[in-house]
C-alpha cells in the first residue's frame, strides 16, 4: 500500500495542468502576416500617433468678393435704358486677373513687405506641416510653392462671387493674410483702372494735339496768303466789288438815260459833253472792276480764287478736325469714367475659432482602408505569381 500512493498523486497533478491560453495569444499574433504588418497595421498605428498626438491644428479664414463694372448703356435707348438703370455688371475676365494675382509671386512679395509671412509658416506647426521643418530647403521659390497650397480661390460662375480661403497655424494670422490679399486685389483693380483711363485719354489727347498743330499750320498759311496777296476775305471782297460794279452800272444807265433825253430835247445842250464824259468814265471804271474780278492778270480775284479757296478750306477742315478731336476727348473721359472696375467685398475675412484641418479621424480611417486595399492587391499579385510558378 505504501508503494502505490506516490505513483497515483503525481499522475493526477499532471492531468490537472492545462496551459493553453498563452499559446492561443501567441498564435493570434503569429497569424498576422508580415505583409499586413507592413501595409495595414504599422501605417495605421503611425497615422493614429501622428494625427492623434502630433499634427498641429490649421485654421482657415474665409472671405468673398466680386469684381464689377458699371453697365454699359450705349446699345440701349428709350424705355430700355430707363428700365435698366445705372446698375453694375460683372467683369468676369478681370475676376480671373485678380485671382491669378492673389496667388502670384508678386502678391507674396508685397505681402512680405507688410508682415512676416514666412515666419508664420516656418516657426509654427508640427515638424511635418510647417515650412522647412527638417531644414533641408530654405529657398524663396520653395517657400512660394509651399505658400501657394495655403491660399485657394474658388469662383462661382453663376453668381460671379469669388471665395478666398487662407490657411495657417494661427486664426489671427489667417485673418490678417486674407485681409491683406483683399487690399492687394483692390489695389490691382485701381491700378488697372488708372492704366486704362490713362491710355484711353492719352490717345484722345494726342489726336487733339495733332489737330491743334494742323489748325496752327493752316491758319499761318492763310494769314501769309492774305498778307502777300492783300486779300482778307476773297468772298466778301468779291461781293463788295460786284456790288460796286452793280452800282456803277446803275449809275451808267441813269447817265445814258439823261443823255438820251437831253439829246432828244436839246441837241445843242451844253450838258451833253459833261454827260458823255461821265458815261465814258463809268464805262472805264466798270471795265476796270470787271478786269479786277475776272480778268487775266495775276492779281484778279478769279486767279486768286483757287489758291485762296484751297488755303481757306484747309483751315476750315483743320478747325473741324480739332472740334471733332475735342468732342472725342470729352467722350473718352466719360467712357473711361464709365468703365471703371470695382472690387466689392461681400464678406470680410473671418477669424476661425475652430480648426477644420487636419481631419484626424478621416485621415486615420483613410490610412487603414488604403492599407487594406494595398494589402489585397499585393496578396493577389503574390498568389498569381505562386500559381504561375506551380
Protein backbone atom coordinates (compact mmCIF):
# COMPACT_ATOMS: atom_id res chain seq x y z
CA UNK A 1 0.00 0.00 0.00
CA UNK A 2 2.81 2.40 0.80
CA UNK A 3 4.38 1.81 -2.60
CA UNK A 4 1.26 2.78 -4.67
CA UNK A 5 0.47 6.18 -3.06
CA UNK A 6 3.36 8.23 -4.54
CA UNK A 7 2.59 6.87 -8.03
CA UNK A 8 -1.11 7.98 -8.16
CA UNK A 9 -0.78 11.57 -6.87
CA UNK A 10 1.72 12.90 -9.44
CA UNK A 11 -0.34 11.42 -12.28
CA UNK A 12 -3.41 13.33 -11.13
CA UNK A 13 -1.44 16.54 -10.79
CA UNK A 14 -0.04 16.22 -14.32
CA UNK A 15 -3.51 15.81 -15.83
CA UNK A 16 -4.85 18.89 -13.98
CA UNK A 17 -2.40 21.40 -15.51
CA UNK A 18 -3.72 22.85 -18.88
CA UNK A 19 -1.58 25.83 -20.18
CA UNK A 20 -3.35 26.60 -23.49
CA UNK A 21 -4.44 30.33 -23.31
CA UNK A 22 -0.87 31.64 -23.73
CA UNK A 23 -0.41 29.53 -26.81
CA UNK A 24 -3.66 30.97 -28.29
CA UNK A 25 -2.45 34.56 -27.80
CA UNK A 26 0.83 33.79 -29.46
CA UNK A 27 -0.92 32.09 -32.33
CA UNK A 28 -3.18 35.13 -32.96
CA UNK A 29 -0.18 37.43 -33.30
CA UNK A 30 1.59 34.90 -35.47
CA UNK A 31 -1.41 34.74 -37.80
CA UNK A 32 -0.84 38.41 -38.83
CA UNK A 33 1.42 38.16 -41.84
CA UNK A 34 4.43 40.45 -42.34
CA UNK A 35 2.70 41.91 -45.38
CA UNK A 36 -0.28 43.02 -43.29
CA UNK A 37 2.08 44.47 -40.72
CA UNK A 38 3.82 46.48 -43.42
CA UNK A 39 0.73 47.65 -45.34
CA UNK A 40 -2.03 47.93 -42.72
CA UNK A 41 -1.02 47.70 -39.08
CA UNK A 42 2.11 49.84 -38.98
CA UNK A 43 0.77 52.64 -41.27
CA UNK A 44 -2.45 52.79 -39.26
CA UNK A 45 -0.52 52.98 -35.97
CA UNK A 46 1.74 55.72 -37.38
CA UNK A 47 -1.28 57.63 -38.71
CA UNK A 48 -3.03 57.32 -35.34
CA UNK A 49 0.00 58.60 -33.46
CA UNK A 50 0.62 61.48 -35.89
CA UNK A 51 -2.93 62.74 -36.36
CA UNK A 52 -3.94 61.99 -32.81
CA UNK A 53 -0.94 63.43 -30.94
CA UNK A 54 1.48 65.29 -33.21
CA UNK A 55 -0.37 67.06 -36.07
CA UNK A 56 -0.97 70.78 -35.43
CA UNK A 57 -4.31 72.48 -35.90
CA UNK A 58 -4.72 74.57 -39.06
CA UNK A 59 -7.19 77.46 -39.19
CA UNK A 60 -8.82 78.70 -42.42
CA UNK A 61 -10.00 82.29 -42.79
CA UNK A 62 -12.71 82.79 -45.42
CA UNK A 63 -13.85 85.87 -47.34
CA UNK A 64 -15.78 86.54 -50.54
CA UNK A 65 -15.66 89.31 -53.10
CA UNK A 66 -16.88 90.24 -56.56
CA UNK A 67 -15.38 92.42 -59.32
CA UNK A 68 -17.96 94.62 -61.04
CA UNK A 69 -18.11 97.39 -63.62
CA UNK A 70 -20.93 99.84 -64.45
CA UNK A 71 -23.38 98.53 -67.04
CA UNK A 72 -22.80 99.93 -70.49
CA UNK A 73 -25.94 101.52 -71.91
CA UNK A 74 -24.54 102.54 -75.29
CA UNK A 75 -26.70 99.97 -77.05
CA UNK A 76 -29.87 100.92 -75.18
CA UNK A 77 -32.24 103.72 -75.91
CA UNK A 78 -35.64 104.90 -74.84
CA UNK A 79 -37.52 102.73 -72.40
CA UNK A 80 -34.79 100.06 -72.29
CA UNK A 81 -32.23 102.47 -70.90
CA UNK A 82 -34.74 103.77 -68.37
CA UNK A 83 -35.67 100.28 -67.16
CA UNK A 84 -32.09 99.01 -66.94
CA UNK A 85 -30.95 101.95 -64.86
CA UNK A 86 -27.38 102.61 -63.86
CA UNK A 87 -26.52 99.34 -62.10
CA UNK A 88 -23.38 97.24 -62.26
CA UNK A 89 -22.38 94.27 -64.38
CA UNK A 90 -19.88 91.51 -63.64
CA UNK A 91 -16.40 91.85 -65.09
CA UNK A 92 -15.62 88.13 -65.35
CA UNK A 93 -12.33 88.47 -67.25
CA UNK A 94 -10.98 90.83 -64.60
CA UNK A 95 -12.03 88.41 -61.84
CA UNK A 96 -9.61 85.84 -63.23
CA UNK A 97 -6.92 88.53 -63.34
CA UNK A 98 -7.41 89.30 -59.65
CA UNK A 99 -7.43 85.61 -58.73
CA UNK A 100 -4.22 84.95 -60.62
CA UNK A 101 -2.56 87.93 -58.97
CA UNK A 102 -3.55 86.90 -55.43
CA UNK A 103 -1.78 83.56 -55.91
CA UNK A 104 1.24 85.03 -57.70
CA UNK A 105 4.81 85.58 -56.52
CA UNK A 106 4.28 89.35 -56.82
CA UNK A 107 1.43 89.24 -54.32
CA UNK A 108 3.58 87.21 -51.93
CA UNK A 109 6.43 89.73 -52.22
CA UNK A 110 4.04 92.60 -51.49
CA UNK A 111 2.60 90.61 -48.59
CA UNK A 112 6.03 90.03 -47.06
CA UNK A 113 6.64 93.78 -47.05
CA UNK A 114 3.61 94.24 -44.79
CA UNK A 115 4.03 91.23 -42.46
CA UNK A 116 6.47 88.37 -41.72
CA UNK A 117 4.56 85.74 -43.69
CA UNK A 118 7.42 83.27 -43.80
CA UNK A 119 7.75 83.28 -40.02
CA UNK A 120 4.05 82.42 -39.73
CA UNK A 121 4.64 79.15 -41.56
CA UNK A 122 8.23 78.44 -40.56
CA UNK A 123 8.13 78.82 -36.76
CA UNK A 124 4.69 77.36 -36.02
CA UNK A 125 3.11 73.98 -36.60
CA UNK A 126 4.48 70.48 -36.23
CA UNK A 127 7.69 69.45 -37.90
CA UNK A 128 5.87 67.72 -40.77
CA UNK A 129 3.39 70.51 -41.51
CA UNK A 130 5.43 73.71 -41.22
CA UNK A 131 7.71 75.00 -43.93
CA UNK A 132 11.25 73.60 -43.94
CA UNK A 133 10.62 71.58 -40.82
CA UNK A 134 13.70 69.44 -41.37
CA UNK A 135 15.90 72.34 -42.51
CA UNK A 136 16.64 70.89 -45.93
CA UNK A 137 15.45 73.71 -48.25
CA UNK A 138 15.01 77.36 -47.35
CA UNK A 139 14.91 78.92 -50.82
CA UNK A 140 12.35 81.58 -51.66
CA UNK A 141 10.96 79.51 -54.51
CA UNK A 142 10.41 76.57 -52.17
CA UNK A 143 8.51 78.80 -49.76
CA UNK A 144 6.40 80.19 -52.62
CA UNK A 145 5.40 76.66 -53.68
CA UNK A 146 4.52 75.91 -50.05
CA UNK A 147 2.57 79.17 -49.71
CA UNK A 148 0.52 78.50 -52.87
CA UNK A 149 -1.04 75.47 -51.21
CA UNK A 150 -2.22 77.62 -48.30
CA UNK A 151 -4.15 80.12 -50.45
CA UNK A 152 -7.09 78.98 -52.54
CA UNK A 153 -9.68 80.93 -54.55
CA UNK A 154 -12.93 79.41 -55.79
CA UNK A 155 -15.03 81.22 -58.41
CA UNK A 156 -18.76 80.63 -58.82
CA UNK A 157 -19.60 81.29 -62.49
CA UNK A 158 -23.33 81.53 -61.75
CA UNK A 159 -23.23 84.22 -59.05
CA UNK A 160 -19.88 85.74 -60.03
CA UNK A 161 -18.68 85.54 -56.41
CA UNK A 162 -15.11 84.52 -55.58
CA UNK A 163 -14.27 82.87 -52.25
CA UNK A 164 -10.79 83.42 -50.80
CA UNK A 165 -9.51 80.88 -48.25
CA UNK A 166 -6.24 81.30 -46.34
CA UNK A 167 -4.92 78.55 -44.05
CA UNK A 168 -2.24 78.89 -41.36
CA UNK A 169 -1.43 77.61 -37.88
CA UNK A 170 -2.98 80.64 -36.16
CA UNK A 171 -6.51 82.01 -36.60
CA UNK A 172 -5.49 85.67 -36.30
CA UNK A 173 -2.67 85.23 -38.79
CA UNK A 174 -5.00 83.60 -41.33
CA UNK A 175 -7.39 86.53 -40.99
CA UNK A 176 -4.54 89.01 -41.33
CA UNK A 177 -3.22 87.42 -44.53
CA UNK A 178 -6.72 87.20 -46.00
CA UNK A 179 -7.41 90.90 -45.36
CA UNK A 180 -4.05 91.90 -46.84
CA UNK A 181 -4.73 89.89 -50.02
CA UNK A 182 -8.09 91.62 -50.44
CA UNK A 183 -6.40 95.02 -50.16
CA UNK A 184 -3.81 93.98 -52.74
CA UNK A 185 -6.57 92.84 -55.08
CA UNK A 186 -8.32 96.19 -54.70
CA UNK A 187 -5.02 97.98 -55.36
CA UNK A 188 -4.59 95.93 -58.54
CA UNK A 189 -8.10 96.94 -59.70
CA UNK A 190 -7.29 100.60 -59.06
CA UNK A 191 -4.04 100.20 -61.00
CA UNK A 192 -5.90 98.65 -63.93
CA UNK A 193 -8.44 101.49 -63.83
CA UNK A 194 -5.71 104.14 -63.82
CA UNK A 195 -3.83 102.45 -66.68
CA UNK A 196 -6.97 102.05 -68.82
CA UNK A 197 -8.06 105.63 -68.16
CA UNK A 198 -4.58 106.95 -68.89
CA UNK A 199 -4.30 105.03 -72.17
CA UNK A 200 -7.80 105.98 -73.34
CA UNK A 201 -7.38 109.67 -72.58
CA UNK A 202 -3.78 109.78 -73.85
CA UNK A 203 -4.82 108.66 -77.33
CA UNK A 204 -7.59 111.27 -77.43
CA UNK A 205 -5.21 113.99 -76.20
CA UNK A 206 -2.68 113.04 -78.86
CA UNK A 207 -5.40 113.42 -81.50
CA UNK A 208 -6.30 116.84 -80.09
CA UNK A 209 -2.65 117.92 -80.11
CA UNK A 210 -2.24 116.81 -83.74
CA UNK A 211 -5.45 118.65 -84.72
CA UNK A 212 -4.24 121.79 -82.95
CA UNK A 213 -0.97 121.63 -84.86
CA UNK A 214 -2.86 121.30 -88.14
CA UNK A 215 -5.02 124.30 -87.25
CA UNK A 216 -1.94 126.31 -86.40
CA UNK A 217 -0.23 125.48 -89.70
CA UNK A 218 -3.37 126.09 -91.77
CA UNK A 219 -4.07 129.40 -90.03
CA UNK A 220 -0.49 130.52 -90.59
CA UNK A 221 -0.69 129.61 -94.27
CA UNK A 222 -3.95 131.53 -94.64
CA UNK A 223 -2.51 134.58 -92.90
CA UNK A 224 0.60 134.56 -95.05
CA UNK A 225 -1.53 134.28 -98.18
CA UNK A 226 -3.73 137.20 -97.13
CA UNK A 227 -0.72 139.39 -96.38
CA UNK A 228 1.13 138.54 -99.58
CA UNK A 229 -1.94 138.99 -101.83
CA UNK A 230 -3.70 141.77 -99.96
CA UNK A 231 -6.84 139.67 -99.53
CA UNK A 232 -8.61 139.25 -96.22
CA UNK A 233 -11.78 137.52 -97.34
CA UNK A 234 -11.96 136.74 -101.01
CA UNK A 235 -15.66 136.01 -100.98
CA UNK A 236 -16.55 139.20 -99.12
CA UNK A 237 -14.16 141.21 -101.24
CA UNK A 238 -15.58 139.86 -104.48
CA UNK A 239 -19.10 140.59 -103.24
CA UNK A 240 -18.06 144.18 -102.48
CA UNK A 241 -16.54 144.60 -105.92
CA UNK A 242 -19.55 143.06 -107.62
CA UNK A 243 -21.76 145.41 -105.64
CA UNK A 244 -19.62 148.32 -106.75
CA UNK A 245 -19.88 147.21 -110.37
CA UNK A 246 -23.63 146.92 -109.97
CA UNK A 247 -23.85 150.47 -108.61
CA UNK A 248 -21.66 151.78 -111.41
CA UNK A 249 -23.84 150.04 -113.96
CA UNK A 250 -26.96 151.54 -112.38
CA UNK A 251 -25.36 154.97 -112.47
CA UNK A 252 -24.32 154.37 -116.10
CA UNK A 253 -27.89 153.55 -117.00
CA UNK A 254 -29.08 156.75 -115.36
CA UNK A 255 -26.45 158.82 -117.23
CA UNK A 256 -27.32 157.17 -120.52
CA UNK A 257 -31.00 157.85 -119.94
CA UNK A 258 -30.32 161.52 -119.15
CA UNK A 259 -28.03 161.82 -122.15
CA UNK A 260 -30.65 160.37 -124.48
CA UNK A 261 -33.32 162.69 -123.09
CA UNK A 262 -31.15 165.81 -123.40
CA UNK A 263 -30.13 164.91 -126.92
CA UNK A 264 -33.73 164.36 -127.90
CA UNK A 265 -34.95 167.70 -126.50
CA UNK A 266 -32.00 169.99 -126.99
CA UNK A 267 -29.28 168.55 -129.19
CA UNK A 268 -27.07 171.57 -128.56
CA UNK A 269 -27.41 171.48 -124.79
CA UNK A 270 -24.10 172.31 -123.06
CA UNK A 271 -24.69 169.45 -120.52
CA UNK A 272 -24.18 166.85 -123.22
CA UNK A 273 -20.33 166.86 -123.15
CA UNK A 274 -20.36 166.50 -119.37
CA UNK A 275 -22.78 163.60 -119.54
CA UNK A 276 -20.74 161.98 -122.27
CA UNK A 277 -17.57 162.34 -120.20
CA UNK A 278 -19.35 160.88 -117.22
CA UNK A 279 -20.57 157.96 -119.32
CA UNK A 280 -17.06 157.20 -120.55
CA UNK A 281 -15.69 157.42 -117.03
CA UNK A 282 -18.31 154.97 -115.74
CA UNK A 283 -17.67 152.54 -118.58
CA UNK A 284 -13.94 152.69 -117.88
CA UNK A 285 -14.45 152.14 -114.17
CA UNK A 286 -16.80 149.24 -114.80
CA UNK A 287 -14.33 147.62 -117.19
CA UNK A 288 -11.53 148.08 -114.68
CA UNK A 289 -13.55 146.49 -111.88
CA UNK A 290 -14.56 143.58 -114.11
CA UNK A 291 -10.92 143.01 -115.04
CA UNK A 292 -10.04 143.04 -111.32
CA UNK A 293 -12.67 140.41 -110.70
CA UNK A 294 -12.33 138.07 -113.67
CA UNK A 295 -9.58 139.46 -115.81
CA UNK A 296 -6.48 137.62 -116.96
CA UNK A 297 -4.00 139.40 -114.68
CA UNK A 298 -2.37 137.58 -111.75
CA UNK A 299 -3.97 139.98 -109.28
CA UNK A 300 -7.51 139.25 -110.42
CA UNK A 301 -9.90 137.63 -107.97
CA UNK A 302 -10.53 134.78 -110.39
CA UNK A 303 -6.85 133.84 -110.45
CA UNK A 304 -6.63 134.14 -106.64
CA UNK A 305 -9.82 132.20 -106.01
CA UNK A 306 -8.35 128.70 -106.48
CA UNK A 307 -5.33 129.27 -104.23
CA UNK A 308 -7.33 131.15 -101.65
CA UNK A 309 -10.08 128.52 -101.64
CA UNK A 310 -7.52 125.77 -101.10
CA UNK A 311 -5.87 127.54 -98.19
CA UNK A 312 -9.22 128.57 -96.73
CA UNK A 313 -10.67 125.03 -96.97
CA UNK A 314 -7.55 123.57 -95.35
CA UNK A 315 -8.04 125.98 -92.47
CA UNK A 316 -11.73 125.11 -92.16
CA UNK A 317 -11.02 121.36 -92.31
CA UNK A 318 -8.35 121.67 -89.62
CA UNK A 319 -10.77 123.56 -87.38
CA UNK A 320 -13.44 120.90 -87.90
CA UNK A 321 -10.94 118.15 -87.09
CA UNK A 322 -9.96 120.00 -83.94
CA UNK A 323 -13.60 120.29 -82.89
CA UNK A 324 -14.12 116.57 -83.54
CA UNK A 325 -10.97 115.72 -81.57
CA UNK A 326 -12.14 117.84 -78.65
CA UNK A 327 -15.51 116.06 -78.71
CA UNK A 328 -13.74 112.69 -78.82
CA UNK A 329 -11.60 113.70 -75.84
CA UNK A 330 -14.67 114.53 -73.77
CA UNK A 331 -16.31 111.28 -74.84
CA UNK A 332 -13.14 109.34 -73.96
CA UNK A 333 -13.10 110.86 -70.49
CA UNK A 334 -16.75 109.98 -69.97
CA UNK A 335 -16.20 106.45 -71.29
CA UNK A 336 -13.13 105.98 -69.08
CA UNK A 337 -15.16 107.01 -66.04
CA UNK A 338 -17.95 104.64 -67.04
CA UNK A 339 -15.63 101.65 -67.50
CA UNK A 340 -14.13 101.76 -64.00
CA UNK A 341 -13.85 98.42 -62.18
CA UNK A 342 -14.78 97.89 -58.54
CA UNK A 343 -13.78 95.16 -56.10
CA UNK A 344 -16.62 94.79 -53.63
CA UNK A 345 -16.08 92.69 -50.51
CA UNK A 346 -19.19 90.67 -49.77
CA UNK A 347 -17.97 89.00 -46.59
CA UNK A 348 -14.98 90.25 -44.63
CA UNK A 349 -12.18 87.83 -43.62
CA UNK A 350 -13.35 85.65 -40.77
CA UNK A 351 -11.40 84.74 -37.66
CA UNK A 352 -11.99 80.99 -37.26
CA UNK A 353 -12.49 79.65 -33.74
CA UNK A 354 -12.40 76.01 -34.83
CA UNK A 355 -9.63 74.19 -36.67
CA UNK A 356 -11.09 72.44 -39.70
CA UNK A 357 -7.79 70.75 -40.52
CA UNK A 358 -6.34 68.26 -40.18
CA UNK A 359 -9.28 65.86 -40.38
CA UNK A 360 -7.85 63.47 -37.84
CA UNK A 361 -10.39 60.62 -37.78
CA UNK A 362 -10.87 60.81 -41.53
CA UNK A 363 -7.14 60.50 -42.17
CA UNK A 364 -6.73 57.58 -39.77
CA UNK A 365 -9.64 55.67 -41.32
CA UNK A 366 -8.44 56.53 -44.81
CA UNK A 367 -4.96 55.20 -43.98
CA UNK A 368 -6.48 51.95 -42.70
CA UNK A 369 -8.69 51.50 -45.78
CA UNK A 370 -5.91 52.30 -48.21
CA UNK A 371 -3.65 49.85 -46.36
CA UNK A 372 -6.25 47.13 -46.73
CA UNK A 373 -6.57 47.87 -50.44
CA UNK A 374 -2.79 47.73 -50.90
CA UNK A 375 -2.63 44.52 -48.87
CA UNK A 376 -5.32 42.93 -51.02
CA UNK A 377 -3.65 43.94 -54.28
CA UNK A 378 -0.23 42.69 -53.20
CA UNK A 379 -1.74 39.43 -51.89
CA UNK A 380 -3.49 38.80 -55.19
CA UNK A 381 -0.33 39.54 -57.14
CA UNK A 382 1.73 37.21 -54.91
CA UNK A 383 -0.88 34.44 -55.22
CA UNK A 384 -0.92 34.76 -59.01
CA UNK A 385 2.90 34.60 -59.08
CA UNK A 386 2.95 31.45 -56.94
CA UNK A 387 0.25 29.86 -59.06
CA UNK A 388 2.22 30.66 -62.20
CA UNK A 389 5.38 29.07 -60.76
CA UNK A 390 3.48 25.92 -59.76
